[in-house]
C-alpha atoms as a PDB file:
ATOM      1  CA  UNK A   1      65.295  62.664  99.674  1.00  0.00           C
ATOM      2  CA  UNK A   2      65.184  59.521  97.556  1.00  0.00           C
ATOM      3  CA  UNK A   3      63.638  59.867  94.091  1.00  0.00           C
ATOM      4  CA  UNK A   4      61.795  56.671  93.167  1.00  0.00           C
ATOM      5  CA  UNK A   5      59.932  57.613  89.976  1.00  0.00           C
ATOM      6  CA  UNK A   6      61.076  59.765  87.069  1.00  0.00           C
ATOM      7  CA  UNK A   7      58.813  60.925  84.259  1.00  0.00           C
ATOM      8  CA  UNK A   8      60.306  62.227  81.028  1.00  0.00           C
ATOM      9  CA  UNK A   9      58.233  64.003  78.386  1.00  0.00           C
ATOM     10  CA  UNK A  10      60.126  63.820  75.097  1.00  0.00           C
ATOM     11  CA  UNK A  11      59.926  66.660  72.613  1.00  0.00           C
ATOM     12  CA  UNK A  12      62.041  68.118  69.832  1.00  0.00           C
ATOM     13  CA  UNK A  13      63.882  70.815  71.780  1.00  0.00           C
ATOM     14  CA  UNK A  14      62.599  70.979  75.367  1.00  0.00           C
ATOM     15  CA  UNK A  15      62.239  67.924  77.639  1.00  0.00           C
ATOM     16  CA  UNK A  16      60.121  68.038  80.807  1.00  0.00           C
ATOM     17  CA  UNK A  17      61.576  65.958  83.682  1.00  0.00           C
ATOM     18  CA  UNK A  18      59.494  65.167  86.780  1.00  0.00           C
ATOM     19  CA  UNK A  19      60.711  63.282  89.873  1.00  0.00           C
ATOM     20  CA  UNK A  20      58.594  61.805  92.685  1.00  0.00           C
ATOM     21  CA  UNK A  21      59.805  60.575  96.088  1.00  0.00           C
ATOM     22  CA  UNK A  22      58.673  57.331  97.704  1.00  0.00           C
ATOM     23  CA  UNK A  23      56.045  59.159  99.791  1.00  0.00           C
ATOM     24  CA  UNK A  24      54.523  60.937  96.760  1.00  0.00           C
ATOM     25  CA  UNK A  25      56.125  64.373  97.082  1.00  0.00           C
ATOM     26  CA  UNK A  26      57.441  66.184  94.023  1.00  0.00           C
ATOM     27  CA  UNK A  27      61.252  66.172  94.152  1.00  0.00           C
ATOM     28  CA  UNK A  28      61.806  68.192  90.988  1.00  0.00           C
ATOM     29  CA  UNK A  29      60.014  69.407  87.886  1.00  0.00           C
ATOM     30  CA  UNK A  30      62.324  70.938  85.300  1.00  0.00           C
ATOM     31  CA  UNK A  31      62.314  71.885  81.650  1.00  0.00           C
ATOM     32  CA  UNK A  32      65.618  70.939  79.997  1.00  0.00           C
ATOM     33  CA  UNK A  33      67.028  71.648  76.576  1.00  0.00           C
ATOM     34  CA  UNK A  34      68.246  68.683  74.543  1.00  0.00           C
ATOM     35  CA  UNK A  35      71.908  69.372  75.402  1.00  0.00           C
ATOM     36  CA  UNK A  36      71.156  69.475  79.165  1.00  0.00           C
ATOM     37  CA  UNK A  37      69.398  66.102  79.509  1.00  0.00           C
ATOM     38  CA  UNK A  38      72.457  63.845  79.618  1.00  0.00           C
ATOM     39  CA  UNK A  39      74.290  65.997  82.158  1.00  0.00           C
ATOM     40  CA  UNK A  40      71.154  66.197  84.364  1.00  0.00           C
ATOM     41  CA  UNK A  41      71.052  62.422  84.755  1.00  0.00           C
END
């Protein structure tokens, strides 16, 4: 599974991260706290 597009919704405490593969399937959709964002990427 190769993620080609990443969407990141910025907020004060919770960030929503959304990944799409090259064929349009959802790879992941996660809610992350501010401290978790750097380690996720």
